[in-house]
Amino acid sequence: MSNAVFPVLPGLMWDVTRTPQWATKVQRSSSGKETRVAYMTTPIWRWVLQFEVLRQNTVVSELSQLLGFFNARRGKFDSFLYADPTDSAVTLEPFGTGNGTTTTFQLTRAFGGFTENVYDLNGAPSIYKAGVLQTSGYTIGPTGIVTFSSAPAAAAALTWTGAYYWRVRFDQDMAEATNFLALLWSLKQLAFVSVL
């Protein structure tokens, strides 16, 4: 499990694809009635990136930077961190409500009406208790668990502001680059999926 961060490179095309994937078992009886079982509590997210232009010359080495990153992960063997440009930060995001006894809370983020846990932070977040910025009295673990030294009061809203990464791995063990002009390359598809 690597904490290497996916490089930000020019040449990324705008049509990035992002897809949530669930696993559901559907059993239909002879009467036509269905029974459904959800195998996952959160989706697996899949991103597909396309790089229209990657330069490779003595001054700029975007192709070798990207393929070097891919090879260092050994294809889909090792995970890494990705900062999705459209989903990697929150402002005053609720992550719990105090009850006077609980001291540990998992950081979360909402996407539409669905809430998912945040595990990999990008920098130190700001923690608020009942709307008041906390400067001490808590610790944040490496997987986004906030532990307060004293339990937040009953009904105290807990919120946070900060940035986060997605832990992902490449979806394939190969990355095919095309040399379309002298010293210019393209990579038509580079996909990765979220992992826990």
N, C-alpha and C. Protein backbone atom coordinates (compact mmCIF):
# COMPACT_ATOMS: atom_id res chain seq x y z
N MET A 1 0.85 -1.17 0.00
CA MET A 1 0.00 0.00 0.00
C MET A 1 0.90 1.23 0.00
N SER A 2 0.92 1.92 -1.12
CA SER A 2 1.78 3.08 -1.29
C SER A 2 1.01 4.36 -0.97
N ASN A 3 1.73 5.36 -0.48
CA ASN A 3 1.14 6.69 -0.30
C ASN A 3 1.61 7.64 -1.39
N ALA A 4 2.11 7.09 -2.49
CA ALA A 4 2.49 7.92 -3.63
C ALA A 4 1.23 8.55 -4.21
N VAL A 5 1.35 9.80 -4.66
CA VAL A 5 0.21 10.54 -5.19
C VAL A 5 0.29 10.56 -6.71
N PHE A 6 -0.81 10.25 -7.37
CA PHE A 6 -0.88 10.24 -8.82
C PHE A 6 -0.48 11.61 -9.35
N PRO A 7 0.41 11.68 -10.34
CA PRO A 7 0.91 12.98 -10.83
C PRO A 7 -0.15 13.77 -11.59
N VAL A 8 -0.08 15.08 -11.43
CA VAL A 8 -0.94 15.99 -12.20
C VAL A 8 -0.13 16.42 -13.42
N LEU A 9 -0.63 16.07 -14.60
CA LEU A 9 0.09 16.34 -15.84
C LEU A 9 -0.79 17.09 -16.82
N PRO A 10 -0.20 17.99 -17.63
CA PRO A 10 -0.99 18.60 -18.70
C PRO A 10 -1.30 17.55 -19.76
N GLY A 11 -2.25 17.83 -20.60
CA GLY A 11 -2.59 16.89 -21.66
C GLY A 11 -3.75 15.99 -21.32
N LEU A 12 -4.25 16.08 -20.08
CA LEU A 12 -5.40 15.27 -19.69
C LEU A 12 -6.65 15.81 -20.39
N MET A 13 -7.36 14.95 -21.08
CA MET A 13 -8.57 15.37 -21.79
C MET A 13 -9.71 15.59 -20.79
N TRP A 14 -10.68 16.40 -21.20
CA TRP A 14 -11.79 16.73 -20.31
C TRP A 14 -12.75 15.57 -20.09
N ASP A 15 -12.88 14.69 -21.03
CA ASP A 15 -13.87 13.64 -20.85
C ASP A 15 -13.35 12.52 -19.95
N VAL A 16 -13.19 12.86 -18.67
CA VAL A 16 -12.86 11.87 -17.64
C VAL A 16 -14.14 11.14 -17.28
N THR A 17 -14.07 9.83 -17.21
CA THR A 17 -15.24 9.03 -16.85
C THR A 17 -15.11 8.57 -15.41
N ARG A 18 -16.19 8.70 -14.65
CA ARG A 18 -16.21 8.25 -13.25
C ARG A 18 -17.49 7.45 -13.05
N THR A 19 -17.35 6.23 -12.56
CA THR A 19 -18.48 5.32 -12.47
C THR A 19 -18.55 4.64 -11.11
N PRO A 20 -19.70 4.71 -10.40
CA PRO A 20 -19.86 3.90 -9.19
C PRO A 20 -20.32 2.49 -9.58
N GLN A 21 -19.79 1.48 -8.89
CA GLN A 21 -20.17 0.10 -9.18
C GLN A 21 -20.56 -0.60 -7.89
N TRP A 22 -21.69 -1.29 -7.92
CA TRP A 22 -22.20 -2.04 -6.78
C TRP A 22 -22.22 -3.53 -7.12
N ALA A 23 -22.40 -4.37 -6.13
CA ALA A 23 -22.55 -5.81 -6.33
C ALA A 23 -23.83 -6.25 -5.62
N THR A 24 -24.80 -6.68 -6.41
CA THR A 24 -26.10 -7.06 -5.87
C THR A 24 -26.49 -8.42 -6.43
N LYS A 25 -26.95 -9.31 -5.58
CA LYS A 25 -27.47 -10.61 -6.00
C LYS A 25 -28.99 -10.50 -6.09
N VAL A 26 -29.55 -10.87 -7.24
CA VAL A 26 -30.99 -10.84 -7.44
C VAL A 26 -31.47 -12.26 -7.66
N GLN A 27 -32.37 -12.72 -6.82
CA GLN A 27 -32.95 -14.07 -6.93
C GLN A 27 -34.44 -13.90 -7.23
N ARG A 28 -34.87 -14.46 -8.36
CA ARG A 28 -36.29 -14.36 -8.73
C ARG A 28 -36.95 -15.73 -8.53
N SER A 29 -38.08 -15.72 -7.81
CA SER A 29 -38.81 -16.97 -7.59
C SER A 29 -39.67 -17.29 -8.81
N SER A 30 -40.27 -18.46 -8.82
CA SER A 30 -41.11 -18.86 -9.94
C SER A 30 -42.34 -17.96 -10.07
N SER A 31 -42.74 -17.31 -8.98
CA SER A 31 -43.88 -16.39 -9.05
C SER A 31 -43.50 -15.03 -9.62
N GLY A 32 -42.19 -14.81 -9.79
CA GLY A 32 -41.72 -13.53 -10.31
C GLY A 32 -41.29 -12.56 -9.24
N LYS A 33 -41.50 -12.91 -7.98
CA LYS A 33 -41.10 -12.04 -6.88
C LYS A 33 -39.58 -12.09 -6.72
N GLU A 34 -38.98 -10.94 -6.44
CA GLU A 34 -37.52 -10.84 -6.32
C GLU A 34 -37.08 -10.70 -4.87
N THR A 35 -35.92 -11.30 -4.60
CA THR A 35 -35.20 -11.06 -3.36
C THR A 35 -33.84 -10.52 -3.76
N ARG A 36 -33.44 -9.41 -3.16
CA ARG A 36 -32.16 -8.78 -3.50
C ARG A 36 -31.27 -8.70 -2.28
N VAL A 37 -29.99 -8.98 -2.49
CA VAL A 37 -28.99 -8.89 -1.42
C VAL A 37 -27.86 -8.00 -1.92
N ALA A 38 -27.56 -6.95 -1.16
CA ALA A 38 -26.45 -6.05 -1.49
C ALA A 38 -25.19 -6.59 -0.82
N TYR A 39 -24.14 -6.83 -1.61
CA TYR A 39 -22.90 -7.37 -1.09
C TYR A 39 -21.93 -6.30 -0.59
N MET A 40 -22.21 -5.04 -0.90
CA MET A 40 -21.30 -3.96 -0.49
C MET A 40 -22.09 -2.84 0.17
N THR A 41 -21.43 -2.15 1.10
CA THR A 41 -22.06 -1.00 1.76
C THR A 41 -21.68 0.32 1.11
N THR A 42 -20.61 0.32 0.34
CA THR A 42 -20.20 1.51 -0.42
C THR A 42 -19.79 1.04 -1.82
N PRO A 43 -19.92 1.92 -2.79
CA PRO A 43 -19.57 1.50 -4.15
C PRO A 43 -18.06 1.46 -4.36
N ILE A 44 -17.67 0.74 -5.39
CA ILE A 44 -16.31 0.84 -5.91
C ILE A 44 -16.39 1.88 -7.02
N TRP A 45 -15.54 2.90 -6.93
CA TRP A 45 -15.53 3.94 -7.95
C TRP A 45 -14.47 3.61 -8.99
N ARG A 46 -14.78 3.90 -10.24
CA ARG A 46 -13.84 3.65 -11.34
C ARG A 46 -13.66 4.93 -12.14
N TRP A 47 -12.40 5.31 -12.36
CA TRP A 47 -12.06 6.48 -13.17
C TRP A 47 -11.37 6.01 -14.44
N VAL A 48 -11.66 6.67 -15.55
CA VAL A 48 -10.96 6.42 -16.81
C VAL A 48 -10.44 7.77 -17.29
N LEU A 49 -9.12 7.89 -17.40
CA LEU A 49 -8.47 9.11 -17.86
C LEU A 49 -7.91 8.89 -19.25
N GLN A 50 -7.88 9.96 -20.04
CA GLN A 50 -7.26 9.92 -21.37
C GLN A 50 -6.28 11.09 -21.46
N PHE A 51 -5.06 10.79 -21.83
CA PHE A 51 -4.06 11.83 -22.01
C PHE A 51 -3.86 12.04 -23.51
N GLU A 52 -4.28 13.21 -23.99
CA GLU A 52 -4.20 13.52 -25.41
C GLU A 52 -2.76 13.77 -25.85
N VAL A 53 -1.97 14.45 -25.00
CA VAL A 53 -0.58 14.75 -25.33
C VAL A 53 0.29 14.56 -24.10
N LEU A 54 1.33 13.75 -24.26
CA LEU A 54 2.38 13.57 -23.25
C LEU A 54 3.70 13.83 -23.95
N ARG A 55 4.41 14.84 -23.49
CA ARG A 55 5.69 15.17 -24.12
C ARG A 55 6.81 14.29 -23.56
N GLN A 56 7.76 13.97 -24.41
CA GLN A 56 8.92 13.18 -24.00
C GLN A 56 10.13 13.67 -24.77
N ASN A 57 10.90 14.56 -24.15
CA ASN A 57 12.13 15.06 -24.76
C ASN A 57 13.15 15.31 -23.67
N THR A 58 14.24 15.95 -23.98
CA THR A 58 15.30 16.15 -22.99
C THR A 58 14.93 17.15 -21.92
N VAL A 59 13.92 18.00 -22.17
CA VAL A 59 13.51 19.01 -21.20
C VAL A 59 12.28 18.57 -20.40
N VAL A 60 11.30 18.00 -21.09
CA VAL A 60 10.04 17.59 -20.47
C VAL A 60 9.87 16.08 -20.64
N SER A 61 9.54 15.41 -19.54
CA SER A 61 9.42 13.94 -19.60
C SER A 61 8.10 13.48 -18.99
N GLU A 62 6.98 13.98 -19.50
CA GLU A 62 5.67 13.62 -18.96
C GLU A 62 5.36 12.15 -19.19
N LEU A 63 5.71 11.63 -20.35
CA LEU A 63 5.46 10.21 -20.63
C LEU A 63 6.20 9.32 -19.64
N SER A 64 7.49 9.56 -19.45
CA SER A 64 8.24 8.71 -18.53
C SER A 64 7.79 8.91 -17.09
N GLN A 65 7.33 10.12 -16.74
CA GLN A 65 6.81 10.34 -15.39
C GLN A 65 5.56 9.50 -15.15
N LEU A 66 4.65 9.49 -16.13
CA LEU A 66 3.41 8.73 -15.97
C LEU A 66 3.66 7.23 -16.01
N LEU A 67 4.42 6.76 -17.01
CA LEU A 67 4.68 5.32 -17.10
C LEU A 67 5.60 4.85 -15.98
N GLY A 68 6.50 5.72 -15.52
CA GLY A 68 7.32 5.37 -14.37
C GLY A 68 6.48 5.18 -13.12
N PHE A 69 5.47 6.05 -12.94
CA PHE A 69 4.55 5.91 -11.81
C PHE A 69 3.77 4.60 -11.92
N PHE A 70 3.29 4.30 -13.12
CA PHE A 70 2.55 3.05 -13.37
C PHE A 70 3.44 1.84 -13.06
N ASN A 71 4.68 1.85 -13.56
CA ASN A 71 5.59 0.72 -13.34
C ASN A 71 5.99 0.59 -11.87
N ALA A 72 6.14 1.70 -11.17
CA ALA A 72 6.48 1.64 -9.74
C ALA A 72 5.36 0.99 -8.94
N ARG A 73 4.14 1.08 -9.41
CA ARG A 73 3.00 0.42 -8.75
C ARG A 73 2.87 -1.04 -9.21
N ARG A 74 3.67 -1.44 -10.21
CA ARG A 74 3.60 -2.78 -10.80
C ARG A 74 2.21 -3.06 -11.37
N GLY A 75 1.71 -2.10 -12.13
CA GLY A 75 0.37 -2.24 -12.68
C GLY A 75 -0.66 -2.15 -11.58
N LYS A 76 -1.55 -3.11 -11.50
CA LYS A 76 -2.62 -3.07 -10.50
C LYS A 76 -2.25 -3.68 -9.16
N PHE A 77 -0.95 -3.99 -8.97
CA PHE A 77 -0.52 -4.62 -7.72
C PHE A 77 -0.62 -3.68 -6.52
N ASP A 78 -0.09 -2.46 -6.64
CA ASP A 78 0.02 -1.56 -5.50
C ASP A 78 -1.01 -0.44 -5.59
N SER A 79 -1.53 -0.04 -4.45
CA SER A 79 -2.47 1.09 -4.42
C SER A 79 -1.70 2.40 -4.33
N PHE A 80 -2.40 3.50 -4.61
CA PHE A 80 -1.81 4.83 -4.53
C PHE A 80 -2.92 5.83 -4.23
N LEU A 81 -2.58 7.10 -4.12
CA LEU A 81 -3.54 8.14 -3.77
C LEU A 81 -3.85 9.00 -4.99
N TYR A 82 -5.13 9.36 -5.12
CA TYR A 82 -5.57 10.19 -6.24
C TYR A 82 -6.42 11.33 -5.71
N ALA A 83 -6.09 12.55 -6.10
CA ALA A 83 -6.88 13.73 -5.75
C ALA A 83 -7.80 14.04 -6.92
N ASP A 84 -9.03 13.60 -6.84
CA ASP A 84 -10.01 13.85 -7.90
C ASP A 84 -10.27 15.36 -7.95
N PRO A 85 -10.05 16.01 -9.10
CA PRO A 85 -10.23 17.46 -9.16
C PRO A 85 -11.65 17.93 -8.83
N THR A 86 -12.64 17.04 -8.95
CA THR A 86 -14.02 17.43 -8.69
C THR A 86 -14.57 16.90 -7.37
N ASP A 87 -13.81 16.07 -6.67
CA ASP A 87 -14.31 15.46 -5.42
C ASP A 87 -13.13 15.13 -4.52
N SER A 88 -12.52 16.15 -3.92
CA SER A 88 -11.39 15.89 -3.03
C SER A 88 -11.29 16.89 -1.89
N ALA A 89 -12.37 17.64 -1.63
CA ALA A 89 -12.36 18.60 -0.52
C ALA A 89 -13.78 18.83 -0.03
N VAL A 90 -13.89 19.18 1.25
CA VAL A 90 -15.18 19.50 1.85
C VAL A 90 -15.05 20.77 2.69
N THR A 91 -16.17 21.42 2.91
CA THR A 91 -16.23 22.60 3.77
C THR A 91 -17.38 22.42 4.75
N LEU A 92 -17.04 22.42 6.03
CA LEU A 92 -18.01 22.23 7.11
C LEU A 92 -18.90 21.01 6.87
N GLU A 93 -18.25 19.91 6.55
CA GLU A 93 -18.94 18.65 6.27
C GLU A 93 -19.28 17.94 7.59
N PRO A 94 -20.56 17.60 7.82
CA PRO A 94 -20.92 16.88 9.04
C PRO A 94 -20.28 15.49 9.08
N PHE A 95 -19.77 15.07 10.23
CA PHE A 95 -19.25 13.71 10.37
C PHE A 95 -19.71 13.06 11.67
N GLY A 96 -20.61 13.68 12.38
CA GLY A 96 -21.13 13.06 13.60
C GLY A 96 -21.88 14.06 14.45
N THR A 97 -22.53 13.52 15.48
CA THR A 97 -23.23 14.34 16.47
C THR A 97 -22.88 13.78 17.84
N GLY A 98 -22.46 14.66 18.72
CA GLY A 98 -22.10 14.23 20.07
C GLY A 98 -23.28 13.65 20.83
N ASN A 99 -22.96 12.70 21.73
CA ASN A 99 -24.00 12.14 22.59
C ASN A 99 -23.58 12.14 24.06
N GLY A 100 -22.43 12.78 24.35
CA GLY A 100 -21.95 12.86 25.72
C GLY A 100 -21.10 11.69 26.16
N THR A 101 -21.03 10.61 25.36
CA THR A 101 -20.22 9.45 25.74
C THR A 101 -19.24 9.01 24.66
N THR A 102 -19.62 9.11 23.39
CA THR A 102 -18.76 8.66 22.30
C THR A 102 -17.62 9.65 22.08
N THR A 103 -16.40 9.12 21.92
CA THR A 103 -15.24 9.99 21.71
C THR A 103 -14.60 9.81 20.33
N THR A 104 -14.93 8.74 19.62
CA THR A 104 -14.30 8.52 18.31
C THR A 104 -15.34 8.61 17.18
N PHE A 105 -14.94 9.27 16.10
CA PHE A 105 -15.82 9.48 14.96
C PHE A 105 -14.99 9.36 13.68
N GLN A 106 -15.58 8.74 12.66
CA GLN A 106 -14.93 8.60 11.36
C GLN A 106 -15.27 9.81 10.50
N LEU A 107 -14.26 10.42 9.86
CA LEU A 107 -14.53 11.50 8.92
C LEU A 107 -15.29 10.93 7.71
N THR A 108 -16.24 11.71 7.22
CA THR A 108 -17.05 11.30 6.09
C THR A 108 -17.21 12.46 5.12
N ARG A 109 -17.74 12.16 3.95
CA ARG A 109 -18.13 13.17 2.99
C ARG A 109 -19.38 12.69 2.27
N ALA A 110 -20.28 13.64 2.00
CA ALA A 110 -21.53 13.31 1.32
C ALA A 110 -21.40 13.62 -0.16
N PHE A 111 -21.96 12.76 -0.98
CA PHE A 111 -22.00 12.96 -2.42
C PHE A 111 -23.45 12.79 -2.82
N GLY A 112 -24.14 13.91 -3.07
CA GLY A 112 -25.59 13.82 -3.25
C GLY A 112 -26.20 13.46 -1.92
N GLY A 113 -27.01 12.44 -1.88
CA GLY A 113 -27.62 11.99 -0.63
C GLY A 113 -26.92 10.80 -0.01
N PHE A 114 -25.73 10.46 -0.51
CA PHE A 114 -25.02 9.27 -0.03
C PHE A 114 -23.74 9.69 0.69
N THR A 115 -23.47 9.08 1.84
CA THR A 115 -22.31 9.43 2.64
C THR A 115 -21.31 8.28 2.64
N GLU A 116 -20.02 8.62 2.43
CA GLU A 116 -18.94 7.64 2.45
C GLU A 116 -17.86 8.08 3.41
N ASN A 117 -17.14 7.11 3.94
CA ASN A 117 -16.02 7.40 4.84
C ASN A 117 -14.85 8.00 4.07
N VAL A 118 -14.09 8.86 4.75
CA VAL A 118 -12.86 9.42 4.21
C VAL A 118 -11.71 8.83 5.01
N TYR A 119 -10.78 8.18 4.32
CA TYR A 119 -9.68 7.49 5.00
C TYR A 119 -8.32 8.16 4.83
N ASP A 120 -8.07 8.76 3.68
CA ASP A 120 -6.74 9.31 3.38
C ASP A 120 -6.83 10.83 3.25
N LEU A 121 -6.26 11.52 4.22
CA LEU A 121 -6.33 12.98 4.26
C LEU A 121 -5.19 13.60 3.47
N ASN A 122 -5.48 14.75 2.88
CA ASN A 122 -4.49 15.54 2.16
C ASN A 122 -4.26 16.80 3.00
N GLY A 123 -3.33 16.73 3.93
CA GLY A 123 -3.08 17.84 4.85
C GLY A 123 -3.90 17.69 6.12
N ALA A 124 -3.73 18.65 7.01
CA ALA A 124 -4.43 18.63 8.30
C ALA A 124 -5.77 19.33 8.16
N PRO A 125 -6.87 18.64 8.49
CA PRO A 125 -8.19 19.27 8.39
C PRO A 125 -8.48 20.15 9.61
N SER A 126 -9.48 20.99 9.46
CA SER A 126 -9.99 21.79 10.57
C SER A 126 -11.21 21.07 11.14
N ILE A 127 -11.24 20.91 12.45
CA ILE A 127 -12.33 20.20 13.12
C ILE A 127 -13.15 21.22 13.90
N TYR A 128 -14.48 21.13 13.77
CA TYR A 128 -15.39 22.04 14.46
C TYR A 128 -16.33 21.24 15.35
N LYS A 129 -16.56 21.76 16.54
CA LYS A 129 -17.51 21.16 17.47
C LYS A 129 -18.55 22.22 17.78
N ALA A 130 -19.81 21.95 17.44
CA ALA A 130 -20.91 22.91 17.62
C ALA A 130 -20.57 24.25 16.97
N GLY A 131 -19.92 24.19 15.79
CA GLY A 131 -19.60 25.39 15.04
C GLY A 131 -18.35 26.13 15.49
N VAL A 132 -17.67 25.63 16.50
CA VAL A 132 -16.47 26.29 17.03
C VAL A 132 -15.23 25.51 16.60
N LEU A 133 -14.29 26.22 15.96
CA LEU A 133 -13.05 25.59 15.52
C LEU A 133 -12.28 25.07 16.73
N GLN A 134 -11.86 23.80 16.65
CA GLN A 134 -11.11 23.18 17.75
C GLN A 134 -9.61 23.26 17.43
N THR A 135 -8.84 23.79 18.34
CA THR A 135 -7.40 23.88 18.14
C THR A 135 -6.65 22.83 18.95
N SER A 136 -7.34 22.15 19.84
CA SER A 136 -6.75 21.07 20.64
C SER A 136 -7.88 20.20 21.16
N GLY A 137 -7.51 19.16 21.90
CA GLY A 137 -8.52 18.29 22.50
C GLY A 137 -8.94 17.14 21.60
N TYR A 138 -8.20 16.89 20.53
CA TYR A 138 -8.53 15.77 19.66
C TYR A 138 -7.28 15.32 18.91
N THR A 139 -7.32 14.10 18.40
CA THR A 139 -6.27 13.59 17.51
C THR A 139 -6.96 12.99 16.29
N ILE A 140 -6.22 12.94 15.18
CA ILE A 140 -6.75 12.32 13.97
C ILE A 140 -5.82 11.18 13.58
N GLY A 141 -6.37 9.97 13.50
CA GLY A 141 -5.58 8.80 13.13
C GLY A 141 -5.31 8.74 11.65
N PRO A 142 -4.45 7.81 11.23
CA PRO A 142 -4.05 7.71 9.82
C PRO A 142 -5.17 7.28 8.88
N THR A 143 -6.30 6.82 9.42
CA THR A 143 -7.41 6.41 8.56
C THR A 143 -8.63 7.32 8.73
N GLY A 144 -8.42 8.56 9.18
CA GLY A 144 -9.50 9.53 9.27
C GLY A 144 -10.39 9.39 10.48
N ILE A 145 -9.92 8.72 11.54
CA ILE A 145 -10.71 8.61 12.77
C ILE A 145 -10.30 9.74 13.71
N VAL A 146 -11.30 10.54 14.12
CA VAL A 146 -11.08 11.64 15.04
C VAL A 146 -11.41 11.13 16.44
N THR A 147 -10.46 11.29 17.36
CA THR A 147 -10.66 10.89 18.75
C THR A 147 -10.57 12.13 19.62
N PHE A 148 -11.66 12.45 20.30
CA PHE A 148 -11.70 13.59 21.21
C PHE A 148 -11.24 13.16 22.60
N SER A 149 -10.52 14.04 23.29
CA SER A 149 -10.06 13.72 24.65
C SER A 149 -11.23 13.68 25.63
N SER A 150 -12.28 14.42 25.36
CA SER A 150 -13.52 14.32 26.14
C SER A 150 -14.68 14.27 25.16
N ALA A 151 -15.68 13.50 25.48
CA ALA A 151 -16.80 13.28 24.57
C ALA A 151 -17.52 14.58 24.27
N PRO A 152 -17.83 14.83 23.00
CA PRO A 152 -18.63 16.02 22.66
C PRO A 152 -20.00 15.95 23.32
N ALA A 153 -20.50 17.11 23.72
CA ALA A 153 -21.79 17.19 24.41
C ALA A 153 -22.91 16.64 23.52
N ALA A 154 -23.98 16.22 24.18
CA ALA A 154 -25.13 15.70 23.45
C ALA A 154 -25.64 16.75 22.48
N ALA A 155 -25.94 16.32 21.25
CA ALA A 155 -26.48 17.14 20.17
C ALA A 155 -25.47 18.12 19.57
N ALA A 156 -24.19 18.06 19.98
CA ALA A 156 -23.17 18.95 19.40
C ALA A 156 -22.82 18.46 18.00
N ALA A 157 -23.03 19.31 17.02
CA ALA A 157 -22.74 18.95 15.62
C ALA A 157 -21.23 18.95 15.41
N LEU A 158 -20.71 17.89 14.79
CA LEU A 158 -19.29 17.78 14.46
C LEU A 158 -19.13 17.95 12.95
N THR A 159 -18.28 18.90 12.55
CA THR A 159 -18.05 19.15 11.14
C THR A 159 -16.56 19.29 10.88
N TRP A 160 -16.17 19.19 9.62
CA TRP A 160 -14.76 19.34 9.27
C TRP A 160 -14.62 20.01 7.91
N THR A 161 -13.48 20.66 7.75
CA THR A 161 -13.11 21.29 6.49
C THR A 161 -11.71 20.80 6.14
N GLY A 162 -11.54 20.33 4.93
CA GLY A 162 -10.22 19.84 4.53
C GLY A 162 -10.26 19.14 3.20
N ALA A 163 -9.11 18.59 2.83
CA ALA A 163 -8.96 17.89 1.57
C ALA A 163 -8.64 16.42 1.83
N TYR A 164 -8.93 15.59 0.85
CA TYR A 164 -8.70 14.15 1.00
C TYR A 164 -8.32 13.55 -0.34
N TYR A 165 -7.77 12.37 -0.25
CA TYR A 165 -7.42 11.57 -1.43
C TYR A 165 -8.36 10.38 -1.52
N TRP A 166 -8.41 9.80 -2.70
CA TRP A 166 -9.03 8.50 -2.92
C TRP A 166 -7.91 7.47 -2.99
N ARG A 167 -8.03 6.37 -2.26
CA ARG A 167 -7.07 5.28 -2.40
C ARG A 167 -7.54 4.42 -3.55
N VAL A 168 -6.68 4.25 -4.54
CA VAL A 168 -7.04 3.55 -5.78
C VAL A 168 -5.91 2.61 -6.19
N ARG A 169 -6.20 1.79 -7.18
CA ARG A 169 -5.19 0.98 -7.84
C ARG A 169 -5.52 0.97 -9.33
N PHE A 170 -4.52 0.73 -10.16
CA PHE A 170 -4.78 0.66 -11.59
C PHE A 170 -5.68 -0.52 -11.89
N ASP A 171 -6.53 -0.38 -12.90
CA ASP A 171 -7.50 -1.41 -13.25
C ASP A 171 -6.91 -2.48 -14.16
N GLN A 172 -5.77 -2.18 -14.79
CA GLN A 172 -5.13 -3.14 -15.68
C GLN A 172 -3.64 -3.21 -15.39
N ASP A 173 -3.02 -4.25 -15.89
CA ASP A 173 -1.58 -4.42 -15.74
C ASP A 173 -0.79 -3.89 -16.93
N MET A 174 -1.45 -3.15 -17.83
CA MET A 174 -0.74 -2.56 -18.95
C MET A 174 -1.28 -1.16 -19.21
N ALA A 175 -0.40 -0.32 -19.76
CA ALA A 175 -0.77 1.05 -20.14
C ALA A 175 -0.18 1.29 -21.53
N GLU A 176 -1.04 1.46 -22.51
CA GLU A 176 -0.60 1.54 -23.90
C GLU A 176 -0.48 2.99 -24.36
N ALA A 177 0.73 3.44 -24.62
CA ALA A 177 0.99 4.79 -25.12
C ALA A 177 1.28 4.73 -26.61
N THR A 178 0.84 5.76 -27.33
CA THR A 178 1.02 5.84 -28.77
C THR A 178 1.86 7.05 -29.12
N ASN A 179 2.91 6.85 -29.91
CA ASN A 179 3.77 7.94 -30.39
C ASN A 179 3.17 8.46 -31.70
N PHE A 180 2.42 9.58 -31.65
CA PHE A 180 1.72 10.06 -32.84
C PHE A 180 2.47 11.14 -33.61
N LEU A 181 3.42 11.81 -32.98
CA LEU A 181 4.32 12.77 -33.64
C LEU A 181 5.67 12.68 -32.94
N ALA A 182 6.68 13.23 -33.55
CA ALA A 182 8.00 13.20 -32.94
C ALA A 182 7.95 13.80 -31.53
N LEU A 183 8.36 13.03 -30.55
CA LEU A 183 8.45 13.43 -29.15
C LEU A 183 7.10 13.69 -28.48
N LEU A 184 6.00 13.33 -29.15
CA LEU A 184 4.66 13.51 -28.58
C LEU A 184 3.95 12.16 -28.54
N TRP A 185 3.35 11.89 -27.39
CA TRP A 185 2.68 10.61 -27.16
C TRP A 185 1.26 10.87 -26.68
N SER A 186 0.42 9.86 -26.80
CA SER A 186 -0.92 9.89 -26.21
C SER A 186 -1.15 8.58 -25.48
N LEU A 187 -2.04 8.62 -24.53
CA LEU A 187 -2.43 7.43 -23.79
C LEU A 187 -3.95 7.44 -23.77
N LYS A 188 -4.56 6.58 -24.58
CA LYS A 188 -6.00 6.64 -24.81
C LYS A 188 -6.84 6.25 -23.61
N GLN A 189 -6.32 5.39 -22.74
CA GLN A 189 -7.10 4.98 -21.60
C GLN A 189 -6.21 4.55 -20.46
N LEU A 190 -6.42 5.17 -19.30
CA LEU A 190 -5.74 4.78 -18.08
C LEU A 190 -6.82 4.74 -17.00
N ALA A 191 -7.16 3.55 -16.54
CA ALA A 191 -8.26 3.38 -15.60
C ALA A 191 -7.73 2.94 -14.24
N PHE A 192 -8.41 3.41 -13.20
CA PHE A 192 -8.14 2.90 -11.86
C PHE A 192 -9.43 2.83 -11.06
N VAL A 193 -9.41 2.02 -10.00
CA VAL A 193 -10.60 1.77 -9.18
C VAL A 193 -10.26 2.02 -7.72
N SER A 194 -11.27 2.41 -6.96
CA SER A 194 -11.07 2.67 -5.54
C SER A 194 -10.91 1.36 -4.78
N VAL A 195 -10.14 1.41 -3.72
CA VAL A 195 -9.94 0.25 -2.84
C VAL A 195 -10.04 0.72 -1.40
N LEU A 196 -10.39 -0.17 -0.52
CA LEU A 196 -10.46 0.16 0.91
C LEU A 196 -9.28 -0.44 1.63
